[in-house]
Amino acid sequence: MTATLSARRRTDRFAGSGGALLAADGWGDDASPPLVLLHGGGQTRAAWGAAGPRLARLGWRVIAPDLRGHGESAWSPEGRYDLDLFADDVRALVAAVGGQPVVVGASLGGLSSLLAAGERPRASVRALALVDVAHRPEPAGVRRVFEFMRARPDGFASLEEAAAAVAAYLPHRARPDDLNGLRRNLRRQDRRWVWHWDPRLLDGFPDRNELNAHAERLLAAARIAQVPVLLVRGGLSDVVSDQIAAEFCASVPGARRVDVVGAGHMVAGDRNDRFIEALVPFLARIQENA
């Protein structure tokens, strides 16, 4: 695949389920094959700020939206944030993008894309890359994620205070000198910095028992989708263990797996270069078989 000469970021808007507006960053030539990047719960499209332009330079039209209730996308008036609604947003987004995109989904984005591709009405996707998410998680890892998300409902007095909280949560990740990237995940409220997502999200996330109950449903969706599936696991992940990754790949015909050394649950943010290296061979095979 030939590389594009430029990967300048642009801002787009898409209609999700029920017409909810989803803000998105885009990179690459409109004539290139589409690639949708879906972030995890509690993140924003800024999670793909390094990956998006690199993938565009490899010849993809990249679309990275804020999920409903995150960043600059619409918040649910009723505070509804269940997996089925996120999956409906993915269906609407895929239809609006057109061209049967490859979908790369991290955590919540991966779960939503699995249901959208494997349950009716099925979204027309060419392939799925699931980033540190499978049919079920490790309970301890999920608990740690939720504890971090719930820890500071009143926000932070400064960006430096927020950066210190992230560093304590992700000790394996080098603390950045430039905090502008962190700024895109926060918003100002009452002179403080709070996370740029609807706090009611936490009320809609499945608990441990619900997540385990979803396992067979998600495996069925992965099989029914009948598209190439890649599981990109963080080598240090406490959410998707080696056992869970192996179980998923053994249960989904043709599913492939790659572990990203030195990355935790937030793979692209932890080790973006290695994440791209893990993803590119899969994307190249998809293009070869197109």
Protein backbone atom coordinates (compact mmCIF):
# COMPACT_ATOMS: atom_id res chain seq x y z
CA MET A 1 0.00 0.00 0.00
CA THR A 2 1.44 3.38 -0.96
CA ALA A 3 1.77 6.01 1.72
CA THR A 4 -0.08 9.31 1.55
CA LEU A 5 2.04 12.47 1.56
CA SER A 6 0.12 14.14 4.38
CA ALA A 7 -1.83 13.06 7.43
CA ARG A 8 -3.21 16.39 8.62
CA ARG A 9 -5.96 16.04 11.21
CA ARG A 10 -9.47 17.27 10.44
CA THR A 11 -12.65 17.29 12.51
CA ASP A 12 -15.79 15.54 11.30
CA ARG A 13 -19.29 14.95 12.66
CA PHE A 14 -21.34 11.78 12.31
CA ALA A 15 -24.84 10.85 13.42
CA GLY A 16 -25.01 7.96 15.83
CA SER A 17 -28.09 6.05 16.92
CA GLY A 18 -31.12 8.31 17.20
CA GLY A 19 -29.21 11.13 15.53
CA ALA A 20 -26.81 11.71 18.44
CA LEU A 21 -23.86 13.69 17.09
CA LEU A 22 -20.47 12.00 17.34
CA ALA A 23 -17.39 14.20 16.98
CA ALA A 24 -14.50 12.58 15.15
CA ASP A 25 -10.95 13.22 14.04
CA GLY A 26 -10.04 12.18 10.53
CA TRP A 27 -6.80 11.69 8.64
CA GLY A 28 -5.89 10.58 5.13
CA ASP A 29 -7.28 10.69 1.62
CA ASP A 30 -11.05 10.30 1.14
CA ALA A 31 -10.33 7.82 -1.66
CA SER A 32 -8.37 5.49 0.65
CA PRO A 33 -9.97 2.44 2.28
CA PRO A 34 -11.67 3.39 5.57
CA LEU A 35 -10.36 2.46 8.99
CA VAL A 36 -12.39 3.29 12.12
CA LEU A 37 -10.67 3.62 15.51
CA LEU A 38 -12.90 3.28 18.61
CA HIS A 39 -11.46 4.22 22.00
CA GLY A 40 -12.16 2.62 25.37
CA GLY A 41 -14.52 3.67 28.12
CA GLY A 42 -13.44 6.84 29.91
CA GLN A 43 -11.11 7.85 27.07
CA THR A 44 -11.63 10.18 24.11
CA ARG A 45 -10.60 10.14 20.46
CA ALA A 46 -7.32 11.69 21.62
CA ALA A 47 -6.28 8.12 22.48
CA TRP A 48 -5.54 7.69 18.75
CA GLY A 49 -3.69 10.98 18.29
CA ALA A 50 -0.41 9.22 17.49
CA ALA A 51 -1.81 6.14 15.72
CA GLY A 52 -4.27 7.98 13.43
CA PRO A 53 -1.78 9.97 11.33
CA ARG A 54 0.64 7.05 11.10
CA LEU A 55 -2.06 4.76 9.73
CA ALA A 56 -3.16 7.48 7.30
CA ARG A 57 0.38 7.76 5.98
CA LEU A 58 0.19 4.04 5.24
CA GLY A 59 -2.72 4.67 2.90
CA TRP A 60 -5.85 4.48 5.06
CA ARG A 61 -8.69 6.93 5.53
CA VAL A 62 -8.80 7.00 9.33
CA ILE A 63 -11.87 8.02 11.35
CA ALA A 64 -11.59 8.23 15.16
CA PRO A 65 -14.80 9.32 16.92
CA ASP A 66 -15.54 10.19 20.50
CA LEU A 67 -17.98 7.56 21.70
CA ARG A 68 -21.33 8.73 23.01
CA GLY A 69 -20.92 10.38 26.41
CA HIS A 70 -17.21 11.01 25.81
CA GLY A 71 -15.28 14.05 24.69
CA GLU A 72 -17.17 16.30 22.30
CA SER A 73 -19.83 13.76 21.32
CA ALA A 74 -23.41 13.95 22.57
CA TRP A 75 -24.27 12.88 26.09
CA SER A 76 -27.33 10.73 26.61
CA PRO A 77 -30.21 12.89 27.97
CA GLU A 78 -31.41 9.89 29.99
CA GLY A 79 -27.95 8.85 31.13
CA ARG A 80 -28.27 5.60 29.17
CA TYR A 81 -24.93 3.99 28.34
CA ASP A 82 -25.39 0.28 27.75
CA LEU A 83 -23.50 -1.91 25.28
CA ASP A 84 -26.47 -2.23 22.95
CA LEU A 85 -26.68 1.54 22.53
CA PHE A 86 -22.94 1.81 21.85
CA ALA A 87 -23.29 -1.02 19.30
CA ASP A 88 -26.12 0.89 17.60
CA ASP A 89 -23.83 3.93 17.39
CA VAL A 90 -21.18 1.77 15.72
CA ARG A 91 -23.74 0.50 13.20
CA ALA A 92 -24.75 4.07 12.35
CA LEU A 93 -21.14 5.19 12.11
CA VAL A 94 -20.12 2.29 9.85
CA ALA A 95 -23.07 2.98 7.55
CA ALA A 96 -22.18 6.70 7.39
CA VAL A 97 -18.50 6.03 6.68
CA GLY A 98 -19.33 3.48 3.97
CA GLY A 99 -16.85 1.37 2.06
CA GLN A 100 -16.95 -1.56 4.52
CA PRO A 101 -14.34 -0.24 6.97
CA VAL A 102 -11.90 -2.13 9.10
CA VAL A 103 -12.81 -1.40 12.73
CA VAL A 104 -10.20 -1.23 15.49
CA GLY A 105 -11.84 -1.16 18.91
CA ALA A 106 -10.17 -0.81 22.30
CA SER A 107 -11.99 -2.11 25.38
CA LEU A 108 -15.52 -0.61 25.23
CA GLY A 109 -14.97 0.23 21.56
CA GLY A 110 -14.06 -3.39 20.88
CA LEU A 111 -17.08 -4.81 22.71
CA SER A 112 -19.37 -2.42 20.83
CA SER A 113 -17.86 -3.29 17.46
CA LEU A 114 -18.15 -7.02 18.15
CA LEU A 115 -21.88 -6.75 18.85
CA ALA A 116 -22.40 -4.40 15.89
CA ALA A 117 -20.68 -6.79 13.48
CA GLY A 118 -22.10 -10.04 14.82
CA GLU A 119 -25.67 -9.26 15.86
CA ARG A 120 -28.57 -8.04 13.75
CA PRO A 121 -28.70 -5.63 12.11
CA ARG A 122 -25.10 -6.49 11.29
CA ALA A 123 -22.73 -3.65 10.47
CA SER A 124 -20.88 -4.15 7.20
CA VAL A 125 -17.26 -4.28 8.32
CA ARG A 126 -14.29 -5.82 6.53
CA ALA A 127 -12.36 -6.90 9.61
CA LEU A 128 -12.12 -6.35 13.38
CA ALA A 129 -9.08 -5.66 15.52
CA LEU A 130 -9.86 -5.92 19.24
CA VAL A 131 -7.39 -4.04 21.42
CA ASP A 132 -7.03 -5.65 24.84
CA VAL A 133 -10.61 -6.84 24.97
CA ALA A 134 -12.10 -10.29 24.50
CA HIS A 135 -15.29 -12.12 25.44
CA ARG A 136 -14.62 -11.75 29.17
CA PRO A 137 -12.19 -9.82 31.37
CA GLU A 138 -10.17 -10.55 34.47
CA PRO A 139 -12.32 -9.23 37.36
CA ALA A 140 -9.35 -7.74 39.23
CA GLY A 141 -8.27 -5.76 36.19
CA VAL A 142 -11.76 -4.40 35.57
CA ARG A 143 -12.07 -3.47 39.23
CA ARG A 144 -8.82 -1.50 39.05
CA VAL A 145 -10.07 0.40 35.97
CA PHE A 146 -13.36 1.31 37.65
CA GLU A 147 -11.62 2.34 40.87
CA PHE A 148 -9.46 4.77 38.91
CA MET A 149 -12.45 6.19 37.03
CA ARG A 150 -14.41 6.69 40.26
CA ALA A 151 -11.51 7.98 42.33
CA ARG A 152 -11.72 11.73 41.65
CA PRO A 153 -15.32 12.83 41.03
CA ASP A 154 -14.34 16.38 42.02
CA GLY A 155 -11.54 16.48 39.45
CA PHE A 156 -8.11 18.05 39.76
CA ALA A 157 -6.79 21.47 40.66
CA SER A 158 -4.24 21.40 37.82
CA LEU A 159 -3.06 19.38 34.83
CA GLU A 160 0.02 18.43 36.85
CA GLU A 161 -2.21 16.90 39.56
CA ALA A 162 -4.09 14.92 36.90
CA ALA A 163 -0.81 13.75 35.38
CA ALA A 164 0.35 12.54 38.80
CA ALA A 165 -2.85 10.49 39.20
CA VAL A 166 -2.35 8.91 35.76
CA ALA A 167 1.30 8.15 36.55
CA ALA A 168 0.30 6.38 39.77
CA TYR A 169 -2.30 4.35 37.86
CA LEU A 170 0.09 3.52 34.99
CA PRO A 171 3.52 3.16 36.59
CA HIS A 172 4.89 1.30 33.55
CA ARG A 173 4.27 4.31 31.27
CA ALA A 174 6.75 7.17 31.04
CA ARG A 175 5.26 10.41 32.31
CA PRO A 176 5.10 12.94 29.42
CA ASP A 177 6.82 16.30 29.63
CA ASP A 178 4.11 17.90 27.47
CA LEU A 179 0.66 17.76 29.09
CA ASN A 180 -1.29 18.96 26.03
CA GLY A 181 -2.30 15.40 25.19
CA LEU A 182 -3.76 14.99 28.68
CA ARG A 183 -5.62 18.28 28.27
CA ARG A 184 -7.77 16.73 25.50
CA ASN A 185 -9.04 14.14 27.99
CA LEU A 186 -10.14 16.77 30.50
CA ARG A 187 -12.55 19.69 30.60
CA ARG A 188 -12.90 22.72 32.85
CA GLN A 189 -15.69 22.69 35.42
CA ASP A 190 -15.95 25.07 38.39
CA ARG A 191 -12.28 26.04 38.01
CA ARG A 192 -11.16 22.42 38.16
CA TRP A 193 -10.17 19.83 35.58
CA VAL A 194 -12.54 16.85 35.31
CA TRP A 195 -12.47 13.90 32.96
CA HIS A 196 -14.12 14.61 29.62
CA TRP A 197 -16.89 12.03 29.89
CA ASP A 198 -20.34 11.83 31.43
CA PRO A 199 -20.03 10.58 35.05
CA ARG A 200 -23.25 8.61 34.51
CA LEU A 201 -21.25 6.27 32.27
CA LEU A 202 -20.23 4.36 35.37
CA ASP A 203 -23.87 3.60 36.14
CA GLY A 204 -24.32 1.94 32.75
CA PHE A 205 -21.15 -0.17 32.68
CA PRO A 206 -21.79 -3.87 33.34
CA ASP A 207 -20.66 -5.17 36.70
CA ARG A 208 -18.49 -8.26 37.12
CA ASN A 209 -21.37 -10.72 36.95
CA GLU A 210 -22.91 -9.04 33.91
CA LEU A 211 -19.57 -9.05 32.08
CA ASN A 212 -19.15 -12.77 32.61
CA ALA A 213 -22.76 -13.34 31.53
CA HIS A 214 -21.99 -11.53 28.27
CA ALA A 215 -19.17 -13.95 27.43
CA GLU A 216 -21.17 -16.43 25.33
CA ARG A 217 -23.02 -13.61 23.61
CA LEU A 218 -19.75 -11.94 22.59
CA LEU A 219 -18.21 -15.21 21.42
CA ALA A 220 -21.31 -15.91 19.32
CA ALA A 221 -21.09 -12.43 17.79
CA ALA A 222 -17.42 -12.94 16.93
CA ARG A 223 -18.23 -16.23 15.18
CA ILE A 224 -21.29 -14.94 13.34
CA ALA A 225 -19.48 -11.83 12.09
CA GLN A 226 -17.36 -14.12 9.87
CA VAL A 227 -14.71 -11.50 9.28
CA PRO A 228 -10.99 -11.62 10.05
CA VAL A 229 -10.40 -10.91 13.74
CA LEU A 230 -7.16 -9.85 15.41
CA LEU A 231 -6.79 -9.71 19.19
CA VAL A 232 -4.08 -7.21 20.16
CA ARG A 233 -3.29 -7.90 23.81
CA GLY A 234 -1.16 -5.75 26.07
CA GLY A 235 1.65 -7.96 27.33
CA LEU A 236 1.27 -6.45 30.81
CA SER A 237 -2.54 -6.39 30.74
CA ASP A 238 -4.41 -7.29 33.90
CA VAL A 239 -7.74 -7.12 32.02
CA VAL A 240 -7.11 -9.71 29.27
CA SER A 241 -4.90 -12.50 30.58
CA ASP A 242 -2.95 -14.95 28.45
CA GLN A 243 -5.56 -17.59 29.32
CA ILE A 244 -8.49 -15.43 28.23
CA ALA A 245 -6.77 -14.47 24.97
CA ALA A 246 -6.05 -18.12 24.19
CA GLU A 247 -9.63 -19.08 25.06
CA PHE A 248 -11.01 -16.42 22.71
CA CYS A 249 -8.81 -17.41 19.79
CA ALA A 250 -9.59 -21.10 20.28
CA SER A 251 -13.32 -20.32 20.21
CA VAL A 252 -13.38 -17.99 17.17
CA PRO A 253 -12.36 -19.67 13.90
CA GLY A 254 -9.51 -17.86 12.18
CA ALA A 255 -8.92 -15.37 15.00
CA ARG A 256 -5.31 -14.25 15.32
CA ARG A 257 -3.50 -12.85 18.32
CA VAL A 258 -0.48 -10.68 18.96
CA ASP A 259 0.88 -9.47 22.31
CA VAL A 260 2.41 -6.01 22.58
CA VAL A 261 5.42 -6.20 24.89
CA GLY A 262 5.55 -3.56 27.59
CA ALA A 263 1.93 -2.42 27.15
CA GLY A 264 -0.88 -2.63 29.66
CA HIS A 265 -4.60 -2.34 29.02
CA MET A 266 -4.27 0.97 27.12
CA VAL A 267 -2.05 -0.50 24.45
CA ALA A 268 -1.83 2.35 21.95
CA GLY A 269 -1.15 4.91 24.67
CA ASP A 270 1.46 2.73 26.38
CA ARG A 271 3.46 1.56 23.36
CA ASN A 272 2.16 3.20 20.20
CA ASP A 273 5.07 2.16 17.97
CA ARG A 274 4.71 -1.48 18.97
CA PHE A 275 0.95 -1.26 18.62
CA ILE A 276 1.31 -0.06 15.02
CA GLU A 277 3.85 -2.82 14.32
CA ALA A 278 1.36 -5.39 15.63
CA LEU A 279 -1.55 -4.00 13.60
CA VAL A 280 0.07 -3.29 10.22
CA PRO A 281 0.64 -6.93 9.10
CA PHE A 282 -3.04 -7.67 9.79
CA LEU A 283 -4.13 -4.62 7.79
CA ALA A 284 -1.80 -5.59 4.94
CA ARG A 285 -3.39 -9.05 4.73
CA ILE A 286 -6.84 -7.47 4.63
CA GLN A 287 -5.80 -5.29 1.70
CA GLU A 288 -4.19 -8.20 -0.12
CA ASN A 289 -7.43 -10.15 0.10
CA ALA A 290 -9.69 -7.23 -0.81
